[in-house]
Amino acid sequence: MTSRRTLSAFALVSAVALGAPTLALADHHKGAKAPAGAAAAKAPGTIVDVAVADGRFKTLATALQAAGLIETLKGKGPFTVFAPTDEAFAKLPAGTVESLLKPENKAKLVSVLTYHVLPEAVSPGMLDKMTSAKTVEGQSVTIAKKGGKMMVNGADIAKGEVKASNGIIYVIDSVILPQ
C-alpha cells in the first residue's frame, strides 16, 4: 500500500513538473476518465467543451452547431442542460434528426434544443426539490422522482451531474420535445 501511494505521488509530481494533465493521473486508480487536455489547476471547460470531450453527445453537438447555439452555450451562463445522448437521439423516429438539421428547419431545431436548457445552474439538491422549471425556450418541463429516479418530462436523468465552468449538464436518455 505504501509503495502504491509513493508511486502515485511520484507520478503526480512528475506530471506536474512535466506539464502533463494531472487529473488523469490523480484519478487513474479510480478508473476515472479526464476530459481531453484537462489540467489539475484548470477549471472544467464550458458546457459545449465538456459535452464534446465526453464523447456521448456527438448528435447534440452537431445539432447545436446547426442551430447556431454553440457560442451561446459557451457563454457566461449559468445554464443547466438536460443533454440527450446519441442513443437518445437514435430513439427518435427515422429521419427526425436529419429533418431538424436542414437549414429550413432551424427555428424548430432551436426550439427543441432550448427546451433542454434552463437559464440557471440547478444543483442536484435543488433539482430533487423541483416539480417543474421554465426552459430557455419558454415552456416549462416537468421534473419528478419515480422509483428513486429523477426524470424530466419522462426522460431518465442519469445519476451524477457533469459540472462545467458555466453550468451543469444532466445526461438524459430521451430527447424531450416542446408542445
N, C-alpha and C. Protein backbone atom coordinates (compact mmCIF):
# COMPACT_ATOMS: atom_id res chain seq x y z
N MET A 1 0.82 -1.19 0.00
CA MET A 1 0.00 0.00 0.00
C MET A 1 0.87 1.25 0.00
N THR A 2 1.91 1.26 0.84
CA THR A 2 2.79 2.43 0.90
C THR A 2 3.50 2.65 -0.42
N SER A 3 3.97 1.57 -1.05
CA SER A 3 4.67 1.73 -2.33
C SER A 3 3.71 2.23 -3.42
N ARG A 4 2.46 1.79 -3.38
CA ARG A 4 1.47 2.27 -4.36
C ARG A 4 1.23 3.76 -4.17
N ARG A 5 1.11 4.20 -2.91
CA ARG A 5 0.91 5.60 -2.62
C ARG A 5 2.12 6.43 -3.05
N THR A 6 3.29 5.91 -2.78
CA THR A 6 4.52 6.59 -3.17
C THR A 6 4.61 6.70 -4.68
N LEU A 7 4.29 5.62 -5.39
CA LEU A 7 4.32 5.62 -6.84
C LEU A 7 3.31 6.62 -7.40
N SER A 8 2.10 6.64 -6.84
CA SER A 8 1.08 7.59 -7.30
C SER A 8 1.54 9.02 -7.05
N ALA A 9 2.12 9.28 -5.88
CA ALA A 9 2.61 10.62 -5.56
C ALA A 9 3.74 11.01 -6.52
N PHE A 10 4.65 10.07 -6.80
CA PHE A 10 5.73 10.33 -7.73
C PHE A 10 5.19 10.65 -9.12
N ALA A 11 4.22 9.86 -9.58
CA ALA A 11 3.63 10.08 -10.90
C ALA A 11 2.96 11.45 -10.95
N LEU A 12 2.28 11.83 -9.88
CA LEU A 12 1.60 13.11 -9.83
C LEU A 12 2.61 14.26 -9.87
N VAL A 13 3.66 14.17 -9.04
CA VAL A 13 4.69 15.21 -9.02
C VAL A 13 5.38 15.29 -10.38
N SER A 14 5.70 14.14 -10.97
CA SER A 14 6.35 14.11 -12.29
C SER A 14 5.46 14.76 -13.34
N ALA A 15 4.18 14.46 -13.27
CA ALA A 15 3.24 15.01 -14.25
C ALA A 15 3.18 16.52 -14.13
N VAL A 16 3.13 17.02 -12.91
CA VAL A 16 3.08 18.47 -12.70
C VAL A 16 4.35 19.11 -13.25
N ALA A 17 5.49 18.50 -12.94
CA ALA A 17 6.77 19.04 -13.40
C ALA A 17 6.87 19.04 -14.92
N LEU A 18 6.28 18.04 -15.54
CA LEU A 18 6.36 17.94 -17.00
C LEU A 18 5.19 18.62 -17.70
N GLY A 19 4.23 19.11 -16.91
CA GLY A 19 3.09 19.80 -17.50
C GLY A 19 2.04 18.86 -18.07
N ALA A 20 2.02 17.61 -17.64
CA ALA A 20 1.04 16.63 -18.14
C ALA A 20 -0.29 16.87 -17.46
N PRO A 21 -1.38 16.39 -18.06
CA PRO A 21 -2.69 16.52 -17.43
C PRO A 21 -2.75 15.71 -16.14
N THR A 22 -2.76 16.39 -15.00
CA THR A 22 -2.69 15.70 -13.73
C THR A 22 -4.01 15.06 -13.33
N LEU A 23 -5.12 15.56 -13.81
CA LEU A 23 -6.40 14.98 -13.46
C LEU A 23 -6.45 13.52 -13.86
N ALA A 24 -5.95 13.21 -15.03
CA ALA A 24 -5.96 11.83 -15.50
C ALA A 24 -5.13 10.95 -14.58
N LEU A 25 -3.98 11.43 -14.13
CA LEU A 25 -3.13 10.64 -13.25
C LEU A 25 -3.72 10.53 -11.86
N ALA A 26 -4.26 11.62 -11.34
CA ALA A 26 -4.80 11.61 -9.99
C ALA A 26 -5.98 10.67 -9.87
N ASP A 27 -6.79 10.57 -10.91
CA ASP A 27 -7.97 9.71 -10.86
C ASP A 27 -7.76 8.36 -11.52
N HIS A 28 -6.58 8.10 -12.04
CA HIS A 28 -6.33 6.86 -12.77
C HIS A 28 -6.66 5.63 -11.93
N HIS A 29 -6.28 5.66 -10.67
CA HIS A 29 -6.52 4.50 -9.82
C HIS A 29 -8.00 4.25 -9.58
N LYS A 30 -8.85 5.24 -9.81
CA LYS A 30 -10.30 5.09 -9.64
C LYS A 30 -10.98 4.70 -10.95
N GLY A 31 -10.21 4.70 -12.03
CA GLY A 31 -10.79 4.38 -13.33
C GLY A 31 -11.50 5.56 -13.97
N ALA A 32 -11.31 6.77 -13.41
CA ALA A 32 -11.99 7.95 -13.96
C ALA A 32 -11.33 8.37 -15.26
N LYS A 33 -12.12 8.98 -16.11
CA LYS A 33 -11.63 9.46 -17.39
C LYS A 33 -11.62 10.98 -17.36
N ALA A 34 -10.47 11.57 -17.60
CA ALA A 34 -10.35 13.02 -17.58
C ALA A 34 -10.72 13.58 -18.94
N PRO A 35 -11.30 14.79 -18.96
CA PRO A 35 -11.56 15.44 -20.24
C PRO A 35 -10.25 15.69 -20.96
N ALA A 36 -10.30 15.70 -22.27
CA ALA A 36 -9.09 15.91 -23.07
C ALA A 36 -8.43 17.22 -22.69
N GLY A 37 -7.12 17.18 -22.42
CA GLY A 37 -6.37 18.38 -22.12
C GLY A 37 -6.62 18.96 -20.74
N ALA A 38 -7.28 18.21 -19.84
CA ALA A 38 -7.58 18.74 -18.52
C ALA A 38 -6.30 18.84 -17.70
N ALA A 39 -6.20 19.90 -16.95
CA ALA A 39 -5.08 20.06 -16.02
C ALA A 39 -5.65 20.31 -14.64
N ALA A 40 -4.91 19.91 -13.62
CA ALA A 40 -5.40 19.99 -12.25
C ALA A 40 -5.79 21.41 -11.86
N ALA A 41 -5.01 22.39 -12.27
CA ALA A 41 -5.28 23.76 -11.87
C ALA A 41 -6.34 24.41 -12.75
N LYS A 42 -6.72 23.78 -13.82
CA LYS A 42 -7.65 24.35 -14.77
C LYS A 42 -9.08 23.93 -14.45
N ALA A 43 -10.00 24.87 -14.47
CA ALA A 43 -11.42 24.57 -14.25
C ALA A 43 -11.95 23.81 -15.45
N PRO A 44 -13.08 23.11 -15.27
CA PRO A 44 -13.65 22.41 -16.43
C PRO A 44 -14.03 23.43 -17.51
N GLY A 45 -14.11 22.98 -18.73
CA GLY A 45 -14.49 23.84 -19.84
C GLY A 45 -15.95 24.22 -19.78
N THR A 46 -16.40 24.90 -20.81
CA THR A 46 -17.80 25.29 -20.90
C THR A 46 -18.66 24.05 -21.13
N ILE A 47 -19.96 24.25 -21.08
CA ILE A 47 -20.89 23.15 -21.32
C ILE A 47 -20.59 22.49 -22.66
N VAL A 48 -20.35 23.27 -23.70
CA VAL A 48 -20.05 22.73 -25.02
C VAL A 48 -18.74 21.94 -24.99
N ASP A 49 -17.69 22.52 -24.39
CA ASP A 49 -16.39 21.85 -24.32
C ASP A 49 -16.49 20.50 -23.60
N VAL A 50 -17.17 20.50 -22.45
CA VAL A 50 -17.30 19.29 -21.65
C VAL A 50 -18.12 18.23 -22.40
N ALA A 51 -19.21 18.65 -23.03
CA ALA A 51 -20.05 17.70 -23.77
C ALA A 51 -19.31 17.09 -24.95
N VAL A 52 -18.56 17.90 -25.68
CA VAL A 52 -17.81 17.39 -26.83
C VAL A 52 -16.73 16.43 -26.36
N ALA A 53 -16.01 16.78 -25.29
CA ALA A 53 -14.94 15.92 -24.77
C ALA A 53 -15.50 14.61 -24.24
N ASP A 54 -16.73 14.61 -23.76
CA ASP A 54 -17.35 13.42 -23.18
C ASP A 54 -17.49 12.29 -24.19
N GLY A 55 -17.87 12.62 -25.42
CA GLY A 55 -17.99 11.60 -26.46
C GLY A 55 -19.37 11.00 -26.65
N ARG A 56 -20.29 11.22 -25.72
CA ARG A 56 -21.64 10.65 -25.83
C ARG A 56 -22.63 11.59 -26.50
N PHE A 57 -22.17 12.79 -26.88
CA PHE A 57 -23.08 13.83 -27.34
C PHE A 57 -22.75 14.35 -28.74
N LYS A 58 -22.33 13.49 -29.64
CA LYS A 58 -21.96 13.92 -30.99
C LYS A 58 -23.16 14.50 -31.74
N THR A 59 -24.31 13.86 -31.62
CA THR A 59 -25.51 14.35 -32.30
C THR A 59 -25.93 15.70 -31.72
N LEU A 60 -25.88 15.83 -30.41
CA LEU A 60 -26.22 17.09 -29.76
C LEU A 60 -25.27 18.19 -30.22
N ALA A 61 -23.99 17.91 -30.29
CA ALA A 61 -23.01 18.91 -30.74
C ALA A 61 -23.29 19.34 -32.18
N THR A 62 -23.63 18.38 -33.04
CA THR A 62 -23.97 18.68 -34.44
C THR A 62 -25.22 19.56 -34.50
N ALA A 63 -26.21 19.22 -33.68
CA ALA A 63 -27.45 20.00 -33.66
C ALA A 63 -27.22 21.42 -33.13
N LEU A 64 -26.40 21.55 -32.09
CA LEU A 64 -26.09 22.88 -31.56
C LEU A 64 -25.39 23.74 -32.61
N GLN A 65 -24.51 23.13 -33.38
CA GLN A 65 -23.81 23.84 -34.45
C GLN A 65 -24.81 24.30 -35.51
N ALA A 66 -25.68 23.38 -35.95
CA ALA A 66 -26.67 23.70 -36.98
C ALA A 66 -27.65 24.79 -36.52
N ALA A 67 -27.93 24.82 -35.22
CA ALA A 67 -28.87 25.80 -34.67
C ALA A 67 -28.20 27.13 -34.35
N GLY A 68 -26.87 27.18 -34.44
CA GLY A 68 -26.16 28.41 -34.11
C GLY A 68 -26.12 28.69 -32.62
N LEU A 69 -26.15 27.64 -31.79
CA LEU A 69 -26.19 27.82 -30.34
C LEU A 69 -24.86 27.54 -29.64
N ILE A 70 -23.83 27.21 -30.39
CA ILE A 70 -22.54 26.90 -29.79
C ILE A 70 -22.02 28.07 -28.94
N GLU A 71 -21.97 29.25 -29.53
CA GLU A 71 -21.44 30.42 -28.81
C GLU A 71 -22.28 30.76 -27.59
N THR A 72 -23.59 30.59 -27.69
CA THR A 72 -24.47 30.87 -26.55
C THR A 72 -24.11 29.96 -25.38
N LEU A 73 -23.97 28.66 -25.64
CA LEU A 73 -23.68 27.71 -24.56
C LEU A 73 -22.21 27.71 -24.15
N LYS A 74 -21.39 28.46 -24.88
CA LYS A 74 -20.01 28.69 -24.43
C LYS A 74 -19.95 29.99 -23.63
N GLY A 75 -21.06 30.70 -23.58
CA GLY A 75 -21.13 31.99 -22.89
C GLY A 75 -21.10 31.85 -21.38
N LYS A 76 -21.24 32.99 -20.74
CA LYS A 76 -21.09 33.09 -19.29
C LYS A 76 -22.06 32.20 -18.52
N GLY A 77 -23.32 32.12 -18.96
CA GLY A 77 -24.29 31.33 -18.22
C GLY A 77 -24.75 32.04 -16.97
N PRO A 78 -25.13 31.32 -15.96
CA PRO A 78 -25.07 29.87 -15.86
C PRO A 78 -26.26 29.19 -16.55
N PHE A 79 -26.03 27.95 -16.95
CA PHE A 79 -27.06 27.15 -17.61
C PHE A 79 -27.14 25.78 -16.95
N THR A 80 -28.28 25.17 -17.09
CA THR A 80 -28.44 23.74 -16.81
C THR A 80 -28.92 23.13 -18.11
N VAL A 81 -28.24 22.10 -18.57
CA VAL A 81 -28.60 21.44 -19.82
C VAL A 81 -28.98 19.99 -19.54
N PHE A 82 -30.17 19.62 -19.97
CA PHE A 82 -30.59 18.22 -19.96
C PHE A 82 -30.13 17.68 -21.31
N ALA A 83 -28.99 17.00 -21.31
CA ALA A 83 -28.32 16.62 -22.55
C ALA A 83 -28.66 15.19 -22.99
N PRO A 84 -29.38 15.06 -24.10
CA PRO A 84 -29.66 13.73 -24.63
C PRO A 84 -28.39 13.13 -25.25
N THR A 85 -28.17 11.87 -24.99
CA THR A 85 -27.03 11.16 -25.58
C THR A 85 -27.32 10.83 -27.04
N ASP A 86 -26.30 10.33 -27.73
CA ASP A 86 -26.50 9.89 -29.11
C ASP A 86 -27.58 8.80 -29.16
N GLU A 87 -27.59 7.92 -28.16
CA GLU A 87 -28.60 6.85 -28.11
C GLU A 87 -30.00 7.43 -27.95
N ALA A 88 -30.12 8.54 -27.20
CA ALA A 88 -31.42 9.19 -27.02
C ALA A 88 -31.92 9.73 -28.36
N PHE A 89 -31.04 10.37 -29.12
CA PHE A 89 -31.43 10.87 -30.44
C PHE A 89 -31.80 9.72 -31.37
N ALA A 90 -31.14 8.58 -31.22
CA ALA A 90 -31.42 7.41 -32.07
C ALA A 90 -32.82 6.84 -31.81
N LYS A 91 -33.41 7.14 -30.67
CA LYS A 91 -34.77 6.67 -30.35
C LYS A 91 -35.85 7.42 -31.12
N LEU A 92 -35.51 8.60 -31.63
CA LEU A 92 -36.50 9.38 -32.39
C LEU A 92 -36.86 8.64 -33.67
N PRO A 93 -38.05 8.88 -34.20
CA PRO A 93 -38.44 8.23 -35.45
C PRO A 93 -37.40 8.49 -36.56
N ALA A 94 -37.22 7.51 -37.41
CA ALA A 94 -36.26 7.61 -38.51
C ALA A 94 -36.46 8.90 -39.30
N GLY A 95 -35.38 9.59 -39.58
CA GLY A 95 -35.42 10.81 -40.37
C GLY A 95 -35.65 12.09 -39.57
N THR A 96 -36.00 11.98 -38.29
CA THR A 96 -36.31 13.17 -37.49
C THR A 96 -35.09 14.07 -37.33
N VAL A 97 -33.97 13.49 -36.93
CA VAL A 97 -32.76 14.29 -36.73
C VAL A 97 -32.33 14.94 -38.03
N GLU A 98 -32.31 14.16 -39.09
CA GLU A 98 -31.90 14.68 -40.40
C GLU A 98 -32.79 15.84 -40.82
N SER A 99 -34.09 15.70 -40.58
CA SER A 99 -35.04 16.76 -40.94
C SER A 99 -34.79 18.02 -40.11
N LEU A 100 -34.57 17.86 -38.81
CA LEU A 100 -34.32 19.01 -37.95
C LEU A 100 -33.03 19.74 -38.31
N LEU A 101 -32.05 19.02 -38.85
CA LEU A 101 -30.77 19.63 -39.19
C LEU A 101 -30.80 20.43 -40.49
N LYS A 102 -31.87 20.33 -41.25
CA LYS A 102 -31.98 21.08 -42.50
C LYS A 102 -32.11 22.58 -42.19
N PRO A 103 -31.44 23.42 -42.98
CA PRO A 103 -31.49 24.87 -42.74
C PRO A 103 -32.91 25.44 -42.64
N GLU A 104 -33.82 24.91 -43.42
CA GLU A 104 -35.19 25.42 -43.40
C GLU A 104 -35.93 25.09 -42.09
N ASN A 105 -35.37 24.17 -41.28
CA ASN A 105 -36.00 23.79 -40.01
C ASN A 105 -35.24 24.32 -38.80
N LYS A 106 -34.40 25.33 -39.03
CA LYS A 106 -33.55 25.86 -37.96
C LYS A 106 -34.38 26.36 -36.77
N ALA A 107 -35.46 27.06 -37.01
CA ALA A 107 -36.29 27.60 -35.92
C ALA A 107 -36.84 26.47 -35.05
N LYS A 108 -37.27 25.39 -35.67
CA LYS A 108 -37.79 24.24 -34.92
C LYS A 108 -36.67 23.58 -34.12
N LEU A 109 -35.48 23.46 -34.73
CA LEU A 109 -34.33 22.87 -34.05
C LEU A 109 -33.94 23.72 -32.84
N VAL A 110 -33.91 25.03 -33.00
CA VAL A 110 -33.59 25.92 -31.89
C VAL A 110 -34.61 25.73 -30.76
N SER A 111 -35.88 25.61 -31.12
CA SER A 111 -36.93 25.39 -30.13
C SER A 111 -36.71 24.09 -29.35
N VAL A 112 -36.41 23.02 -30.07
CA VAL A 112 -36.17 21.72 -29.42
C VAL A 112 -34.96 21.80 -28.50
N LEU A 113 -33.87 22.37 -28.98
CA LEU A 113 -32.64 22.42 -28.18
C LEU A 113 -32.77 23.33 -26.97
N THR A 114 -33.38 24.51 -27.14
CA THR A 114 -33.51 25.42 -25.99
C THR A 114 -34.53 24.92 -24.97
N TYR A 115 -35.35 23.97 -25.37
CA TYR A 115 -36.28 23.31 -24.44
C TYR A 115 -35.51 22.41 -23.47
N HIS A 116 -34.27 22.08 -23.78
CA HIS A 116 -33.42 21.25 -22.92
C HIS A 116 -32.55 22.10 -22.00
N VAL A 117 -32.70 23.43 -22.04
CA VAL A 117 -31.81 24.33 -21.30
C VAL A 117 -32.60 25.18 -20.30
N LEU A 118 -32.06 25.25 -19.07
CA LEU A 118 -32.61 26.15 -18.05
C LEU A 118 -31.64 27.32 -17.93
N PRO A 119 -32.17 28.54 -17.71
CA PRO A 119 -31.31 29.72 -17.65
C PRO A 119 -30.66 29.95 -16.29
N GLU A 120 -30.32 28.87 -15.60
CA GLU A 120 -29.68 28.93 -14.28
C GLU A 120 -28.98 27.61 -14.01
N ALA A 121 -28.06 27.61 -13.07
CA ALA A 121 -27.39 26.37 -12.67
C ALA A 121 -28.22 25.73 -11.56
N VAL A 122 -28.75 24.54 -11.82
CA VAL A 122 -29.59 23.84 -10.85
C VAL A 122 -28.79 22.67 -10.29
N SER A 123 -28.46 22.77 -9.02
CA SER A 123 -27.70 21.70 -8.36
C SER A 123 -28.59 20.47 -8.19
N PRO A 124 -27.99 19.31 -7.97
CA PRO A 124 -28.80 18.10 -7.73
C PRO A 124 -29.75 18.25 -6.56
N GLY A 125 -29.32 18.93 -5.50
CA GLY A 125 -30.20 19.16 -4.35
C GLY A 125 -31.42 19.99 -4.71
N MET A 126 -31.19 21.02 -5.52
CA MET A 126 -32.29 21.87 -5.98
C MET A 126 -33.21 21.08 -6.91
N LEU A 127 -32.60 20.32 -7.83
CA LEU A 127 -33.38 19.54 -8.80
C LEU A 127 -34.30 18.56 -8.08
N ASP A 128 -33.80 17.96 -7.02
CA ASP A 128 -34.54 16.97 -6.24
C ASP A 128 -35.82 17.56 -5.63
N LYS A 129 -35.83 18.87 -5.40
CA LYS A 129 -36.99 19.53 -4.77
C LYS A 129 -37.94 20.16 -5.78
N MET A 130 -37.55 20.19 -7.05
CA MET A 130 -38.37 20.86 -8.07
C MET A 130 -39.45 19.94 -8.64
N THR A 131 -40.53 20.55 -9.09
CA THR A 131 -41.57 19.81 -9.79
C THR A 131 -41.69 20.27 -11.24
N SER A 132 -41.18 21.47 -11.50
CA SER A 132 -41.14 22.00 -12.87
C SER A 132 -40.09 23.08 -12.94
N ALA A 133 -39.73 23.44 -14.18
CA ALA A 133 -38.76 24.51 -14.39
C ALA A 133 -39.01 25.12 -15.76
N LYS A 134 -38.89 26.44 -15.84
CA LYS A 134 -39.07 27.13 -17.11
C LYS A 134 -37.78 27.05 -17.92
N THR A 135 -37.89 26.66 -19.17
CA THR A 135 -36.74 26.50 -20.05
C THR A 135 -36.43 27.80 -20.80
N VAL A 136 -35.28 27.85 -21.43
CA VAL A 136 -34.90 28.99 -22.27
C VAL A 136 -35.90 29.12 -23.42
N GLU A 137 -36.44 28.01 -23.89
CA GLU A 137 -37.41 28.01 -24.98
C GLU A 137 -38.69 28.75 -24.59
N GLY A 138 -38.99 28.78 -23.27
CA GLY A 138 -40.17 29.49 -22.79
C GLY A 138 -41.19 28.61 -22.10
N GLN A 139 -41.27 27.35 -22.50
CA GLN A 139 -42.19 26.43 -21.85
C GLN A 139 -41.51 25.78 -20.64
N SER A 140 -42.31 25.20 -19.79
CA SER A 140 -41.78 24.51 -18.61
C SER A 140 -41.67 23.01 -18.85
N VAL A 141 -40.70 22.41 -18.16
CA VAL A 141 -40.56 20.95 -18.15
C VAL A 141 -41.03 20.46 -16.78
N THR A 142 -41.49 19.22 -16.76
CA THR A 142 -41.92 18.59 -15.51
C THR A 142 -40.76 17.78 -14.95
N ILE A 143 -40.49 17.97 -13.68
CA ILE A 143 -39.43 17.25 -13.01
C ILE A 143 -40.07 16.40 -11.93
N ALA A 144 -39.75 15.12 -11.92
CA ALA A 144 -40.37 14.20 -10.97
C ALA A 144 -39.39 13.13 -10.54
N LYS A 145 -39.70 12.50 -9.44
CA LYS A 145 -38.92 11.37 -8.96
C LYS A 145 -39.85 10.16 -9.00
N LYS A 146 -39.43 9.13 -9.74
CA LYS A 146 -40.23 7.91 -9.84
C LYS A 146 -39.33 6.72 -9.60
N GLY A 147 -39.70 5.89 -8.62
CA GLY A 147 -38.91 4.71 -8.33
C GLY A 147 -37.46 5.02 -7.99
N GLY A 148 -37.23 6.15 -7.33
CA GLY A 148 -35.88 6.53 -6.95
C GLY A 148 -35.09 7.20 -8.06
N LYS A 149 -35.69 7.36 -9.25
CA LYS A 149 -35.00 8.00 -10.37
C LYS A 149 -35.58 9.38 -10.61
N MET A 150 -34.68 10.32 -10.92
CA MET A 150 -35.12 11.65 -11.31
C MET A 150 -35.44 11.62 -12.79
N MET A 151 -36.50 12.36 -13.16
CA MET A 151 -36.95 12.40 -14.55
C MET A 151 -37.31 13.83 -14.94
N VAL A 152 -37.10 14.11 -16.22
CA VAL A 152 -37.55 15.37 -16.79
C VAL A 152 -38.42 15.02 -17.98
N ASN A 153 -39.70 15.41 -17.92
CA ASN A 153 -40.68 15.08 -18.97
C ASN A 153 -40.63 13.59 -19.34
N GLY A 154 -40.45 12.73 -18.37
CA GLY A 154 -40.44 11.28 -18.60
C GLY A 154 -39.10 10.70 -19.00
N ALA A 155 -38.11 11.54 -19.28
CA ALA A 155 -36.76 11.06 -19.63
C ALA A 155 -35.98 10.85 -18.33
N ASP A 156 -35.31 9.70 -18.23
CA ASP A 156 -34.48 9.42 -17.06
C ASP A 156 -33.28 10.34 -17.04
N ILE A 157 -33.02 10.89 -15.87
CA ILE A 157 -31.81 11.69 -15.66
C ILE A 157 -30.79 10.76 -15.00
N ALA A 158 -29.66 10.56 -15.65
CA ALA A 158 -28.62 9.68 -15.11
C ALA A 158 -28.11 10.25 -13.79
N LYS A 159 -27.72 9.35 -12.90
CA LYS A 159 -27.16 9.80 -11.62
C LYS A 159 -25.86 10.54 -11.86
N GLY A 160 -25.67 11.62 -11.12
CA GLY A 160 -24.43 12.38 -11.20
C GLY A 160 -24.44 13.42 -12.28
N GLU A 161 -24.35 14.65 -11.87
CA GLU A 161 -24.29 15.76 -12.82
C GLU A 161 -22.87 15.89 -13.34
N VAL A 162 -22.74 16.57 -14.47
CA VAL A 162 -21.43 16.87 -15.05
C VAL A 162 -21.26 18.38 -14.94
N LYS A 163 -20.24 18.80 -14.19
CA LYS A 163 -20.03 20.23 -13.97
C LYS A 163 -19.21 20.83 -15.10
N ALA A 164 -19.58 22.04 -15.45
CA ALA A 164 -18.86 22.82 -16.46
C ALA A 164 -18.60 24.20 -15.86
N SER A 165 -17.74 24.97 -16.50
CA SER A 165 -17.40 26.29 -15.97
C SER A 165 -18.59 27.25 -16.01
N ASN A 166 -19.56 26.99 -16.86
CA ASN A 166 -20.70 27.89 -16.98
C ASN A 166 -22.04 27.20 -16.70
N GLY A 167 -22.00 26.11 -15.95
CA GLY A 167 -23.24 25.46 -15.59
C GLY A 167 -23.10 23.98 -15.32
N ILE A 168 -24.22 23.29 -15.48
CA ILE A 168 -24.31 21.88 -15.13
C ILE A 168 -24.99 21.13 -16.26
N ILE A 169 -24.51 19.92 -16.53
CA ILE A 169 -25.11 19.04 -17.52
C ILE A 169 -25.70 17.84 -16.79
N TYR A 170 -26.94 17.51 -17.13
CA TYR A 170 -27.56 16.28 -16.67
C TYR A 170 -27.79 15.42 -17.91
N VAL A 171 -27.28 14.22 -17.88
CA VAL A 171 -27.42 13.30 -19.01
C VAL A 171 -28.81 12.68 -18.96
N ILE A 172 -29.53 12.74 -20.11
CA ILE A 172 -30.86 12.14 -20.16
C ILE A 172 -30.91 11.10 -21.28
N ASP A 173 -31.86 10.16 -21.14
CA ASP A 173 -31.92 9.02 -22.07
C ASP A 173 -32.92 9.19 -23.20
N SER A 174 -33.57 10.34 -23.29
CA SER A 174 -34.53 10.60 -24.36
C SER A 174 -34.49 12.09 -24.71
N VAL A 175 -34.84 12.39 -25.94
CA VAL A 175 -34.98 13.78 -26.36
C VAL A 175 -36.36 14.23 -25.89
N ILE A 176 -36.41 15.37 -25.22
CA ILE A 176 -37.71 15.90 -24.77
C ILE A 176 -38.14 16.97 -25.79
N LEU A 177 -39.42 16.99 -26.07
CA LEU A 177 -39.93 17.88 -27.13
C LEU A 177 -40.94 18.87 -26.58
N PRO A 178 -40.83 20.12 -26.99
CA PRO A 178 -41.81 21.13 -26.56
C PRO A 178 -43.18 20.83 -27.18
N GLN A 179 -44.21 21.40 -26.60
CA GLN A 179 -45.58 21.19 -27.12
C GLN A 179 -45.76 21.88 -28.45
